[in-house]
Amino acid sequence: MDELLAGDPAVRPGTIVSSLEGNSSTIATASAGKAKSPEIIRKEKKKRKREEMPEWFRDFSEKQNNILTEIKDTQKKAVEVAAERNAILKSLTSAMLNK
């Protein structure tokens, strides 16, 4: 069976599990060099998901981001207007108290 599948790149040998100390350390070091860290795997999955987004979802997401930006701008302007109003009211009350 090994002879038949030896040239096939899709076939990978299974992991050998042994309770012997000598074998387990050599196997662990051999497999550790090939394994990717979980953080790298997560980043690759996120990148792949972003690239695989359908066009309609990208359009929808872009529209939502634009709407959110507009809302943030409006809120910022409202805070500025409220600050101006408070300054005017403060100056009026101080003028009335000084009379």
N, C-alpha and C. Protein backbone atom coordinates (compact mmCIF):
# COMPACT_ATOMS: atom_id res chain seq x y z
N MET A 1 0.82 -1.18 0.00
CA MET A 1 0.00 0.00 0.00
C MET A 1 0.87 1.25 0.00
N ASP A 2 1.93 1.25 0.78
CA ASP A 2 2.84 2.38 0.82
C ASP A 2 3.47 2.64 -0.54
N GLU A 3 3.74 1.60 -1.27
CA GLU A 3 4.35 1.75 -2.58
C GLU A 3 3.39 2.42 -3.57
N LEU A 4 2.10 2.13 -3.45
CA LEU A 4 1.11 2.70 -4.36
C LEU A 4 0.90 4.19 -4.11
N LEU A 5 0.91 4.60 -2.83
CA LEU A 5 0.59 5.98 -2.47
C LEU A 5 1.83 6.84 -2.23
N ALA A 6 3.00 6.31 -2.41
CA ALA A 6 4.24 7.03 -2.09
C ALA A 6 4.41 8.30 -2.92
N GLY A 7 4.00 8.33 -4.16
CA GLY A 7 4.20 9.49 -5.01
C GLY A 7 3.06 10.49 -4.97
N ASP A 8 1.96 10.18 -4.32
CA ASP A 8 0.80 11.05 -4.28
C ASP A 8 1.01 12.16 -3.25
N PRO A 9 1.02 13.45 -3.64
CA PRO A 9 1.25 14.53 -2.69
C PRO A 9 0.07 14.76 -1.75
N ALA A 10 -1.11 14.25 -2.10
CA ALA A 10 -2.27 14.42 -1.23
C ALA A 10 -2.25 13.49 -0.04
N VAL A 11 -1.42 12.47 -0.11
CA VAL A 11 -1.36 11.50 0.98
C VAL A 11 -0.21 11.87 1.90
N ARG A 12 -0.55 12.07 3.17
CA ARG A 12 0.47 12.39 4.16
C ARG A 12 0.49 11.28 5.20
N PRO A 13 1.64 10.95 5.69
CA PRO A 13 1.70 9.91 6.71
C PRO A 13 1.03 10.37 8.00
N GLY A 14 0.42 9.45 8.71
CA GLY A 14 -0.22 9.77 9.97
C GLY A 14 0.80 10.04 11.06
N THR A 15 0.35 10.63 12.14
CA THR A 15 1.23 10.91 13.26
C THR A 15 1.44 9.64 14.06
N ILE A 16 2.68 9.38 14.40
CA ILE A 16 3.01 8.19 15.18
C ILE A 16 2.97 8.57 16.64
N VAL A 17 2.21 7.80 17.42
CA VAL A 17 2.11 8.05 18.85
C VAL A 17 2.79 6.91 19.56
N SER A 18 3.68 7.26 20.46
CA SER A 18 4.41 6.24 21.17
C SER A 18 4.59 6.66 22.62
N SER A 19 4.62 5.69 23.51
CA SER A 19 4.84 6.00 24.92
C SER A 19 6.32 5.96 25.28
N LEU A 20 7.17 5.58 24.33
CA LEU A 20 8.60 5.55 24.59
C LEU A 20 9.15 6.97 24.58
N GLU A 21 10.05 7.27 25.53
CA GLU A 21 10.57 8.63 25.64
C GLU A 21 11.41 9.03 24.43
N GLY A 22 12.23 8.18 23.93
CA GLY A 22 13.10 8.51 22.81
C GLY A 22 12.32 8.82 21.55
N ASN A 23 11.32 8.03 21.28
CA ASN A 23 10.53 8.23 20.06
C ASN A 23 9.65 9.47 20.14
N SER A 24 9.07 9.73 21.29
CA SER A 24 8.14 10.85 21.39
C SER A 24 8.85 12.19 21.22
N SER A 25 10.06 12.31 21.71
CA SER A 25 10.75 13.59 21.59
C SER A 25 11.15 13.86 20.14
N THR A 26 11.56 12.83 19.42
CA THR A 26 11.94 13.06 18.03
C THR A 26 10.72 13.33 17.17
N ILE A 27 9.63 12.69 17.47
CA ILE A 27 8.40 12.92 16.72
C ILE A 27 7.88 14.32 17.01
N ALA A 28 7.93 14.73 18.26
CA ALA A 28 7.42 16.05 18.62
C ALA A 28 8.22 17.15 17.94
N THR A 29 9.52 17.02 17.88
CA THR A 29 10.32 18.05 17.24
C THR A 29 10.11 18.06 15.74
N ALA A 30 9.91 16.91 15.16
CA ALA A 30 9.70 16.84 13.72
C ALA A 30 8.37 17.47 13.33
N SER A 31 7.32 17.22 14.11
CA SER A 31 6.01 17.76 13.76
C SER A 31 5.89 19.22 14.17
N ALA A 32 6.65 19.67 15.18
CA ALA A 32 6.55 21.06 15.64
C ALA A 32 7.12 22.02 14.61
N GLY A 33 8.08 21.60 13.86
CA GLY A 33 8.67 22.47 12.85
C GLY A 33 7.72 22.76 11.70
N LYS A 34 6.82 21.85 11.40
CA LYS A 34 5.90 22.03 10.28
C LYS A 34 4.62 22.74 10.68
N ALA A 35 4.25 22.68 11.96
CA ALA A 35 2.97 23.21 12.41
C ALA A 35 3.00 24.73 12.46
N LYS A 36 1.86 25.35 12.12
CA LYS A 36 1.72 26.80 12.19
C LYS A 36 1.10 27.16 13.53
N SER A 37 1.44 28.33 14.01
CA SER A 37 0.87 28.76 15.28
C SER A 37 -0.61 29.09 15.08
N PRO A 38 -1.41 28.99 16.14
CA PRO A 38 -2.85 29.28 16.03
C PRO A 38 -3.12 30.72 15.57
N GLU A 39 -2.24 31.65 15.96
CA GLU A 39 -2.44 33.05 15.57
C GLU A 39 -2.29 33.21 14.06
N ILE A 40 -1.30 32.55 13.48
CA ILE A 40 -1.10 32.63 12.03
C ILE A 40 -2.28 32.00 11.30
N ILE A 41 -2.77 30.90 11.81
CA ILE A 41 -3.91 30.22 11.19
C ILE A 41 -5.14 31.13 11.23
N ARG A 42 -5.38 31.81 12.39
CA ARG A 42 -6.52 32.72 12.50
C ARG A 42 -6.42 33.87 11.51
N LYS A 43 -5.22 34.44 11.37
CA LYS A 43 -5.05 35.55 10.43
C LYS A 43 -5.30 35.10 9.00
N GLU A 44 -4.82 33.90 8.66
CA GLU A 44 -5.04 33.39 7.30
C GLU A 44 -6.52 33.16 7.04
N LYS A 45 -7.25 32.65 8.04
CA LYS A 45 -8.69 32.42 7.87
C LYS A 45 -9.43 33.73 7.68
N LYS A 46 -9.08 34.77 8.49
CA LYS A 46 -9.73 36.07 8.34
C LYS A 46 -9.47 36.64 6.96
N LYS A 47 -8.23 36.55 6.51
CA LYS A 47 -7.87 37.08 5.19
C LYS A 47 -8.66 36.35 4.11
N ARG A 48 -8.73 35.04 4.25
CA ARG A 48 -9.45 34.24 3.27
C ARG A 48 -10.93 34.61 3.26
N LYS A 49 -11.51 34.83 4.45
CA LYS A 49 -12.93 35.17 4.52
C LYS A 49 -13.19 36.52 3.86
N ARG A 50 -12.29 37.50 4.09
CA ARG A 50 -12.47 38.80 3.47
C ARG A 50 -12.39 38.70 1.96
N GLU A 51 -11.47 37.91 1.46
CA GLU A 51 -11.32 37.77 0.03
C GLU A 51 -12.49 37.03 -0.59
N GLU A 52 -13.14 36.17 0.17
CA GLU A 52 -14.23 35.35 -0.37
C GLU A 52 -15.60 36.00 -0.20
N MET A 53 -15.65 37.25 0.31
CA MET A 53 -16.94 37.91 0.50
C MET A 53 -17.62 38.12 -0.85
N PRO A 54 -18.91 37.84 -0.92
CA PRO A 54 -19.63 38.11 -2.17
C PRO A 54 -19.72 39.61 -2.43
N GLU A 55 -19.91 39.94 -3.67
CA GLU A 55 -19.94 41.35 -4.09
C GLU A 55 -21.07 42.11 -3.39
N TRP A 56 -22.25 41.49 -3.29
CA TRP A 56 -23.38 42.16 -2.65
C TRP A 56 -23.08 42.47 -1.20
N PHE A 57 -22.34 41.60 -0.53
CA PHE A 57 -22.03 41.83 0.88
C PHE A 57 -21.01 42.96 1.02
N ARG A 58 -20.03 43.01 0.11
CA ARG A 58 -19.06 44.10 0.13
C ARG A 58 -19.76 45.44 -0.08
N ASP A 59 -20.72 45.49 -1.02
CA ASP A 59 -21.48 46.72 -1.26
C ASP A 59 -22.27 47.11 -0.03
N PHE A 60 -22.95 46.14 0.56
CA PHE A 60 -23.74 46.40 1.76
C PHE A 60 -22.86 46.90 2.90
N SER A 61 -21.73 46.26 3.09
CA SER A 61 -20.81 46.65 4.15
C SER A 61 -20.28 48.06 3.93
N GLU A 62 -19.97 48.39 2.70
CA GLU A 62 -19.47 49.73 2.38
C GLU A 62 -20.55 50.78 2.65
N LYS A 63 -21.79 50.48 2.27
CA LYS A 63 -22.90 51.42 2.52
C LYS A 63 -23.09 51.63 4.02
N GLN A 64 -23.03 50.54 4.78
CA GLN A 64 -23.19 50.65 6.22
C GLN A 64 -22.06 51.48 6.85
N ASN A 65 -20.84 51.29 6.37
CA ASN A 65 -19.73 52.09 6.87
C ASN A 65 -19.91 53.57 6.55
N ASN A 66 -20.41 53.87 5.36
CA ASN A 66 -20.67 55.27 4.99
C ASN A 66 -21.74 55.88 5.88
N ILE A 67 -22.80 55.12 6.13
CA ILE A 67 -23.87 55.61 7.00
C ILE A 67 -23.34 55.86 8.41
N LEU A 68 -22.53 54.95 8.90
CA LEU A 68 -21.96 55.11 10.24
C LEU A 68 -21.07 56.34 10.31
N THR A 69 -20.30 56.59 9.27
CA THR A 69 -19.45 57.78 9.23
C THR A 69 -20.29 59.05 9.26
N GLU A 70 -21.39 59.06 8.50
CA GLU A 70 -22.28 60.22 8.49
C GLU A 70 -22.90 60.44 9.87
N ILE A 71 -23.30 59.37 10.53
CA ILE A 71 -23.88 59.48 11.87
C ILE A 71 -22.85 60.05 12.84
N LYS A 72 -21.63 59.57 12.76
CA LYS A 72 -20.57 60.08 13.65
C LYS A 72 -20.33 61.56 13.41
N ASP A 73 -20.31 61.99 12.15
CA ASP A 73 -20.12 63.40 11.83
C ASP A 73 -21.25 64.25 12.39
N THR A 74 -22.49 63.76 12.24
CA THR A 74 -23.64 64.48 12.75
C THR A 74 -23.59 64.60 14.27
N GLN A 75 -23.20 63.53 14.93
CA GLN A 75 -23.08 63.57 16.39
C GLN A 75 -22.00 64.55 16.83
N LYS A 76 -20.91 64.58 16.11
CA LYS A 76 -19.82 65.50 16.44
C LYS A 76 -20.29 66.94 16.31
N LYS A 77 -21.03 67.25 15.24
CA LYS A 77 -21.57 68.60 15.05
C LYS A 77 -22.56 68.95 16.16
N ALA A 78 -23.38 67.99 16.57
CA ALA A 78 -24.36 68.23 17.63
C ALA A 78 -23.65 68.55 18.95
N VAL A 79 -22.57 67.86 19.23
CA VAL A 79 -21.81 68.13 20.45
C VAL A 79 -21.20 69.53 20.39
N GLU A 80 -20.70 69.93 19.23
CA GLU A 80 -20.13 71.28 19.07
C GLU A 80 -21.20 72.35 19.27
N VAL A 81 -22.39 72.14 18.71
CA VAL A 81 -23.49 73.09 18.88
C VAL A 81 -23.90 73.18 20.34
N ALA A 82 -23.97 72.06 21.01
CA ALA A 82 -24.34 72.06 22.43
C ALA A 82 -23.29 72.79 23.26
N ALA A 83 -22.02 72.63 22.92
CA ALA A 83 -20.96 73.34 23.64
C ALA A 83 -21.07 74.85 23.43
N GLU A 84 -21.38 75.27 22.19
CA GLU A 84 -21.58 76.70 21.91
C GLU A 84 -22.77 77.24 22.69
N ARG A 85 -23.85 76.49 22.71
CA ARG A 85 -25.05 76.91 23.44
C ARG A 85 -24.76 77.06 24.92
N ASN A 86 -24.02 76.12 25.48
CA ASN A 86 -23.67 76.19 26.90
C ASN A 86 -22.81 77.41 27.18
N ALA A 87 -21.89 77.74 26.26
CA ALA A 87 -21.03 78.92 26.46
C ALA A 87 -21.87 80.19 26.41
N ILE A 88 -22.83 80.26 25.49
CA ILE A 88 -23.70 81.43 25.39
C ILE A 88 -24.54 81.57 26.65
N LEU A 89 -25.13 80.47 27.10
CA LEU A 89 -25.95 80.51 28.32
C LEU A 89 -25.13 80.92 29.53
N LYS A 90 -23.90 80.44 29.60
CA LYS A 90 -23.02 80.78 30.71
C LYS A 90 -22.71 82.28 30.70
N SER A 91 -22.46 82.82 29.52
CA SER A 91 -22.16 84.26 29.44
C SER A 91 -23.40 85.09 29.76
N LEU A 92 -24.59 84.66 29.34
CA LEU A 92 -25.83 85.37 29.66
C LEU A 92 -26.12 85.35 31.15
N THR A 93 -25.96 84.22 31.78
CA THR A 93 -26.23 84.15 33.22
C THR A 93 -25.22 84.97 34.01
N SER A 94 -23.97 84.98 33.59
CA SER A 94 -22.99 85.80 34.31
C SER A 94 -23.28 87.29 34.09
N ALA A 95 -23.77 87.68 32.90
CA ALA A 95 -24.12 89.07 32.64
C ALA A 95 -25.32 89.48 33.48
N MET A 96 -26.30 88.58 33.62
CA MET A 96 -27.48 88.91 34.42
C MET A 96 -27.14 89.01 35.90
N LEU A 97 -26.23 88.17 36.37
CA LEU A 97 -25.86 88.21 37.78
C LEU A 97 -25.02 89.46 38.10
N ASN A 98 -24.31 89.98 37.14
CA ASN A 98 -23.46 91.15 37.37
C ASN A 98 -24.25 92.46 37.37
N LYS A 99 -25.48 92.48 36.90
CA LYS A 99 -26.28 93.71 36.85
C LYS A 99 -26.73 94.13 38.20
